[in-house]
Amino acid sequence: MQVYDYLEQTAASVQTRDIVNKFINECKSYDLAPAEILNIINIRPASEVEVYTIIEDCENRSGIDTEKLVETVVQVLPAPPTEMEHDEGAAANEEEAVANEEETADKDQNEVTA
C-alpha cells in the first residue's frame, strides 16, 4: 500500500499509456537510451539542470537540445498531482480574492450613495 500511496503523489498517477507512447515517439529524435527515456518519464524534469542529471554525458552528446527536450516534457507529460493541485488552489484563491474585492467595492459604493 505504501508504493501505491507514493505513486499517487507522482506524475505516474496521471500518465496514460497514450501519453507515455507519445513522449517516447517525441524522444526518437534525441537518440536517448531506453533507460534515459524511462527516467525522464518517471522524474519529469522541468529544467535543463535536471535533464543533465538524467542523461549520461549530456554535454558531450550531439543531437540533444536540452531546452527543446524540457519543452517536450512540459508539453507532453502531465504535471504531478501536487503541482496540479497547487495550481488549481492558486487559481481558486485568486478567484476568491477577486470576488472579495468586488464585494468590498460594492459595499463601498452603497455607503457612498446612501
N, C-alpha and C. Protein backbone atom coordinates (compact mmCIF):
# COMPACT_ATOMS: atom_id res chain seq x y z
N MET A 1 0.82 -1.20 0.00
CA MET A 1 0.00 0.00 0.00
C MET A 1 0.86 1.26 0.00
N GLN A 2 2.06 1.20 0.56
CA GLN A 2 2.93 2.37 0.59
C GLN A 2 3.37 2.75 -0.82
N VAL A 3 3.62 1.76 -1.66
CA VAL A 3 4.03 2.05 -3.04
C VAL A 3 2.89 2.76 -3.77
N TYR A 4 1.68 2.28 -3.60
CA TYR A 4 0.52 2.90 -4.24
C TYR A 4 0.37 4.34 -3.77
N ASP A 5 0.48 4.55 -2.46
CA ASP A 5 0.36 5.90 -1.92
C ASP A 5 1.44 6.82 -2.49
N TYR A 6 2.65 6.28 -2.61
CA TYR A 6 3.75 7.07 -3.18
C TYR A 6 3.44 7.42 -4.64
N LEU A 7 3.03 6.43 -5.42
CA LEU A 7 2.77 6.66 -6.84
C LEU A 7 1.62 7.64 -7.05
N GLU A 8 0.67 7.67 -6.14
CA GLU A 8 -0.45 8.61 -6.25
C GLU A 8 0.02 10.06 -6.17
N GLN A 9 1.19 10.28 -5.58
CA GLN A 9 1.72 11.63 -5.43
C GLN A 9 2.68 12.01 -6.56
N THR A 10 2.91 11.10 -7.49
CA THR A 10 3.84 11.36 -8.59
C THR A 10 3.08 11.52 -9.90
N ALA A 11 3.82 11.92 -10.92
CA ALA A 11 3.22 12.08 -12.25
C ALA A 11 2.69 10.76 -12.79
N ALA A 12 3.21 9.64 -12.29
CA ALA A 12 2.76 8.33 -12.76
C ALA A 12 1.26 8.13 -12.56
N SER A 13 0.70 8.79 -11.57
CA SER A 13 -0.73 8.61 -11.29
C SER A 13 -1.63 9.25 -12.34
N VAL A 14 -1.09 10.17 -13.11
CA VAL A 14 -1.92 10.85 -14.12
C VAL A 14 -1.44 10.60 -15.55
N GLN A 15 -0.41 9.77 -15.70
CA GLN A 15 0.09 9.44 -17.03
C GLN A 15 -0.66 8.25 -17.59
N THR A 16 -1.04 8.35 -18.84
CA THR A 16 -1.70 7.24 -19.51
C THR A 16 -0.72 6.58 -20.47
N ARG A 17 -1.08 5.42 -20.94
CA ARG A 17 -0.24 4.72 -21.92
C ARG A 17 -0.07 5.58 -23.17
N ASP A 18 -1.13 6.25 -23.59
CA ASP A 18 -1.05 7.11 -24.78
C ASP A 18 -0.06 8.25 -24.58
N ILE A 19 -0.07 8.86 -23.40
CA ILE A 19 0.85 9.95 -23.10
C ILE A 19 2.29 9.45 -23.14
N VAL A 20 2.53 8.31 -22.50
CA VAL A 20 3.88 7.74 -22.47
C VAL A 20 4.34 7.39 -23.89
N ASN A 21 3.47 6.76 -24.68
CA ASN A 21 3.83 6.42 -26.06
C ASN A 21 4.12 7.67 -26.89
N LYS A 22 3.32 8.70 -26.70
CA LYS A 22 3.55 9.95 -27.43
C LYS A 22 4.91 10.53 -27.05
N PHE A 23 5.23 10.49 -25.76
CA PHE A 23 6.51 11.03 -25.33
C PHE A 23 7.67 10.22 -25.90
N ILE A 24 7.54 8.90 -25.89
CA ILE A 24 8.58 8.03 -26.45
C ILE A 24 8.81 8.36 -27.92
N ASN A 25 7.73 8.56 -28.67
CA ASN A 25 7.85 8.93 -30.09
C ASN A 25 8.54 10.28 -30.26
N GLU A 26 8.20 11.23 -29.39
CA GLU A 26 8.82 12.56 -29.46
C GLU A 26 10.32 12.48 -29.17
N CYS A 27 10.73 11.51 -28.36
CA CYS A 27 12.14 11.38 -27.95
C CYS A 27 13.02 10.69 -28.98
N LYS A 28 12.43 10.13 -30.02
CA LYS A 28 13.23 9.41 -31.02
C LYS A 28 14.29 10.30 -31.66
N SER A 29 14.02 11.57 -31.80
CA SER A 29 14.97 12.47 -32.44
C SER A 29 16.16 12.82 -31.54
N TYR A 30 16.08 12.48 -30.26
CA TYR A 30 17.14 12.83 -29.32
C TYR A 30 18.20 11.75 -29.14
N ASP A 31 18.00 10.57 -29.70
CA ASP A 31 18.96 9.47 -29.57
C ASP A 31 19.25 9.15 -28.10
N LEU A 32 18.19 8.95 -27.34
CA LEU A 32 18.31 8.63 -25.92
C LEU A 32 18.23 7.12 -25.71
N ALA A 33 18.89 6.65 -24.69
CA ALA A 33 18.81 5.24 -24.31
C ALA A 33 17.44 4.98 -23.69
N PRO A 34 16.91 3.77 -23.81
CA PRO A 34 15.61 3.46 -23.20
C PRO A 34 15.56 3.79 -21.70
N ALA A 35 16.65 3.53 -20.99
CA ALA A 35 16.69 3.83 -19.55
C ALA A 35 16.61 5.34 -19.31
N GLU A 36 17.20 6.13 -20.19
CA GLU A 36 17.14 7.59 -20.04
C GLU A 36 15.71 8.09 -20.27
N ILE A 37 15.05 7.53 -21.27
CA ILE A 37 13.66 7.91 -21.53
C ILE A 37 12.78 7.54 -20.34
N LEU A 38 12.98 6.35 -19.81
CA LEU A 38 12.20 5.91 -18.65
C LEU A 38 12.43 6.83 -17.46
N ASN A 39 13.68 7.21 -17.22
CA ASN A 39 13.97 8.12 -16.11
C ASN A 39 13.32 9.48 -16.33
N ILE A 40 13.33 9.96 -17.56
CA ILE A 40 12.68 11.25 -17.84
C ILE A 40 11.19 11.15 -17.57
N ILE A 41 10.57 10.06 -17.99
CA ILE A 41 9.13 9.87 -17.75
C ILE A 41 8.85 9.82 -16.25
N ASN A 42 9.68 9.12 -15.50
CA ASN A 42 9.46 8.97 -14.06
C ASN A 42 9.76 10.24 -13.28
N ILE A 43 10.81 10.94 -13.66
CA ILE A 43 11.24 12.12 -12.90
C ILE A 43 10.54 13.39 -13.38
N ARG A 44 10.23 13.43 -14.67
CA ARG A 44 9.59 14.59 -15.31
C ARG A 44 10.36 15.88 -15.04
N PRO A 45 11.60 15.96 -15.58
CA PRO A 45 12.42 17.16 -15.32
C PRO A 45 11.77 18.41 -15.91
N ALA A 46 11.84 19.49 -15.15
CA ALA A 46 11.24 20.74 -15.59
C ALA A 46 12.29 21.80 -15.90
N SER A 47 13.58 21.41 -15.85
CA SER A 47 14.65 22.35 -16.15
C SER A 47 15.80 21.61 -16.83
N GLU A 48 16.64 22.38 -17.50
CA GLU A 48 17.78 21.77 -18.18
C GLU A 48 18.75 21.14 -17.18
N VAL A 49 18.88 21.73 -16.02
CA VAL A 49 19.77 21.17 -14.99
C VAL A 49 19.34 19.76 -14.63
N GLU A 50 18.04 19.55 -14.48
CA GLU A 50 17.54 18.21 -14.16
C GLU A 50 17.81 17.23 -15.30
N VAL A 51 17.71 17.69 -16.53
CA VAL A 51 17.98 16.82 -17.68
C VAL A 51 19.43 16.37 -17.66
N TYR A 52 20.34 17.28 -17.35
CA TYR A 52 21.76 16.93 -17.30
C TYR A 52 22.05 15.85 -16.27
N THR A 53 21.27 15.78 -15.21
CA THR A 53 21.50 14.74 -14.20
C THR A 53 20.95 13.38 -14.63
N ILE A 54 20.07 13.38 -15.62
CA ILE A 54 19.44 12.13 -16.07
C ILE A 54 20.19 11.52 -17.25
N ILE A 55 20.63 12.37 -18.18
CA ILE A 55 21.25 11.88 -19.42
C ILE A 55 22.76 11.80 -19.24
N GLU A 56 23.27 10.61 -19.41
CA GLU A 56 24.70 10.38 -19.24
C GLU A 56 25.51 11.15 -20.28
N ASP A 57 26.51 11.88 -19.81
CA ASP A 57 27.43 12.64 -20.66
C ASP A 57 26.67 13.57 -21.61
N CYS A 58 25.64 14.20 -21.09
CA CYS A 58 24.72 15.02 -21.89
C CYS A 58 25.44 16.14 -22.63
N GLU A 59 26.36 16.82 -21.96
CA GLU A 59 27.01 17.98 -22.59
C GLU A 59 27.89 17.60 -23.77
N ASN A 60 28.32 16.34 -23.84
CA ASN A 60 29.20 15.91 -24.93
C ASN A 60 28.47 15.13 -26.03
N ARG A 61 27.19 14.91 -25.85
CA ARG A 61 26.43 14.15 -26.86
C ARG A 61 25.78 15.11 -27.84
N SER A 62 25.98 14.83 -29.11
CA SER A 62 25.36 15.67 -30.13
C SER A 62 23.91 15.22 -30.34
N GLY A 63 23.12 16.13 -30.82
CA GLY A 63 21.73 15.79 -31.12
C GLY A 63 20.78 15.93 -29.95
N ILE A 64 21.28 16.40 -28.80
CA ILE A 64 20.39 16.57 -27.65
C ILE A 64 20.28 18.06 -27.35
N ASP A 65 19.15 18.62 -27.71
CA ASP A 65 18.83 20.01 -27.40
C ASP A 65 18.05 19.98 -26.09
N THR A 66 18.75 20.23 -24.99
CA THR A 66 18.12 20.07 -23.67
C THR A 66 16.96 21.03 -23.47
N GLU A 67 17.06 22.23 -24.03
CA GLU A 67 15.97 23.19 -23.89
C GLU A 67 14.70 22.66 -24.57
N LYS A 68 14.87 22.13 -25.77
CA LYS A 68 13.72 21.59 -26.50
C LYS A 68 13.18 20.34 -25.81
N LEU A 69 14.08 19.53 -25.24
CA LEU A 69 13.65 18.33 -24.52
C LEU A 69 12.80 18.70 -23.31
N VAL A 70 13.21 19.72 -22.58
CA VAL A 70 12.42 20.18 -21.43
C VAL A 70 11.05 20.68 -21.90
N GLU A 71 11.02 21.40 -23.01
CA GLU A 71 9.74 21.87 -23.56
C GLU A 71 8.84 20.69 -23.91
N THR A 72 9.43 19.64 -24.48
CA THR A 72 8.67 18.43 -24.83
C THR A 72 8.11 17.78 -23.57
N VAL A 73 8.93 17.69 -22.54
CA VAL A 73 8.49 17.10 -21.27
C VAL A 73 7.30 17.88 -20.72
N VAL A 74 7.43 19.18 -20.68
CA VAL A 74 6.37 20.03 -20.11
C VAL A 74 5.09 19.95 -20.94
N GLN A 75 5.23 19.89 -22.27
CA GLN A 75 4.06 19.86 -23.14
C GLN A 75 3.36 18.51 -23.16
N VAL A 76 4.14 17.41 -23.11
CA VAL A 76 3.55 16.09 -23.31
C VAL A 76 3.20 15.40 -21.99
N LEU A 77 4.12 15.44 -21.03
CA LEU A 77 3.88 14.73 -19.78
C LEU A 77 3.09 15.59 -18.80
N PRO A 78 2.07 15.03 -18.18
CA PRO A 78 1.27 15.82 -17.24
C PRO A 78 2.07 16.15 -15.98
N ALA A 79 1.72 17.25 -15.37
CA ALA A 79 2.38 17.64 -14.12
C ALA A 79 1.97 16.68 -13.02
N PRO A 80 2.85 16.49 -12.04
CA PRO A 80 2.46 15.65 -10.89
C PRO A 80 1.23 16.24 -10.20
N PRO A 81 0.44 15.40 -9.54
CA PRO A 81 -0.79 15.88 -8.90
C PRO A 81 -0.55 17.03 -7.93
N THR A 82 0.53 17.03 -7.20
CA THR A 82 0.76 18.11 -6.24
C THR A 82 0.91 19.44 -6.94
N GLU A 83 1.56 19.48 -8.11
CA GLU A 83 1.68 20.72 -8.87
C GLU A 83 0.32 21.14 -9.41
N MET A 84 -0.44 20.18 -9.91
CA MET A 84 -1.75 20.50 -10.47
C MET A 84 -2.67 21.01 -9.37
N GLU A 85 -2.66 20.36 -8.20
CA GLU A 85 -3.50 20.79 -7.09
C GLU A 85 -3.09 22.18 -6.63
N HIS A 86 -1.77 22.42 -6.59
CA HIS A 86 -1.27 23.73 -6.19
C HIS A 86 -1.74 24.80 -7.16
N ASP A 87 -1.63 24.52 -8.46
CA ASP A 87 -2.07 25.47 -9.48
C ASP A 87 -3.57 25.72 -9.39
N GLU A 88 -4.35 24.64 -9.18
CA GLU A 88 -5.80 24.78 -9.05
C GLU A 88 -6.14 25.57 -7.79
N GLY A 89 -5.43 25.30 -6.71
CA GLY A 89 -5.65 26.02 -5.46
C GLY A 89 -5.33 27.49 -5.60
N ALA A 90 -4.25 27.79 -6.30
CA ALA A 90 -3.87 29.18 -6.53
C ALA A 90 -4.93 29.89 -7.36
N ALA A 91 -5.45 29.22 -8.37
CA ALA A 91 -6.49 29.81 -9.21
C ALA A 91 -7.76 30.05 -8.40
N ALA A 92 -8.11 29.10 -7.55
CA ALA A 92 -9.30 29.25 -6.71
C ALA A 92 -9.11 30.41 -5.73
N ASN A 93 -7.92 30.52 -5.14
CA ASN A 93 -7.64 31.62 -4.22
C ASN A 93 -7.71 32.96 -4.93
N GLU A 94 -7.22 33.01 -6.16
CA GLU A 94 -7.25 34.24 -6.93
C GLU A 94 -8.69 34.64 -7.24
N GLU A 95 -9.52 33.66 -7.63
CA GLU A 95 -10.92 33.94 -7.91
C GLU A 95 -11.63 34.44 -6.66
N GLU A 96 -11.31 33.82 -5.52
CA GLU A 96 -11.92 34.24 -4.25
C GLU A 96 -11.50 35.66 -3.91
N ALA A 97 -10.25 36.00 -4.12
CA ALA A 97 -9.76 37.35 -3.84
C ALA A 97 -10.46 38.38 -4.72
N VAL A 98 -10.65 38.06 -5.98
CA VAL A 98 -11.34 38.97 -6.90
C VAL A 98 -12.78 39.15 -6.46
N ALA A 99 -13.43 38.07 -6.07
CA ALA A 99 -14.82 38.15 -5.61
C ALA A 99 -14.91 39.01 -4.35
N ASN A 100 -13.97 38.85 -3.44
CA ASN A 100 -13.97 39.65 -2.21
C ASN A 100 -13.74 41.13 -2.52
N GLU A 101 -12.85 41.42 -3.47
CA GLU A 101 -12.61 42.81 -3.87
C GLU A 101 -13.87 43.43 -4.45
N GLU A 102 -14.56 42.68 -5.30
CA GLU A 102 -15.79 43.18 -5.91
C GLU A 102 -16.85 43.42 -4.85
N GLU A 103 -16.94 42.51 -3.89
CA GLU A 103 -17.92 42.66 -2.81
C GLU A 103 -17.61 43.89 -1.98
N THR A 104 -16.34 44.11 -1.67
CA THR A 104 -15.93 45.27 -0.90
C THR A 104 -16.21 46.55 -1.68
N ALA A 105 -15.94 46.54 -2.97
CA ALA A 105 -16.20 47.71 -3.81
C ALA A 105 -17.69 48.02 -3.85
N ASP A 106 -18.53 46.98 -3.93
CA ASP A 106 -19.98 47.17 -3.93
C ASP A 106 -20.45 47.79 -2.62
N LYS A 107 -19.91 47.30 -1.49
CA LYS A 107 -20.28 47.85 -0.18
C LYS A 107 -19.87 49.31 -0.08
N ASP A 108 -18.65 49.61 -0.54
CA ASP A 108 -18.17 50.99 -0.50
C ASP A 108 -19.05 51.89 -1.36
N GLN A 109 -19.45 51.41 -2.52
CA GLN A 109 -20.31 52.18 -3.42
C GLN A 109 -21.66 52.42 -2.77
N ASN A 110 -22.21 51.40 -2.09
CA ASN A 110 -23.50 51.55 -1.42
C ASN A 110 -23.42 52.56 -0.29
N GLU A 111 -22.30 52.57 0.44
CA GLU A 111 -22.14 53.53 1.54
C GLU A 111 -22.03 54.95 1.01
N VAL A 112 -21.40 55.13 -0.13
CA VAL A 112 -21.23 56.45 -0.72
C VAL A 112 -22.57 56.99 -1.20
N THR A 113 -23.40 56.14 -1.79
CA THR A 113 -24.68 56.59 -2.32
C THR A 113 -25.74 56.74 -1.24
N ALA A 114 -25.52 56.15 -0.07
CA ALA A 114 -26.53 56.21 1.00
C ALA A 114 -26.49 57.48 1.78
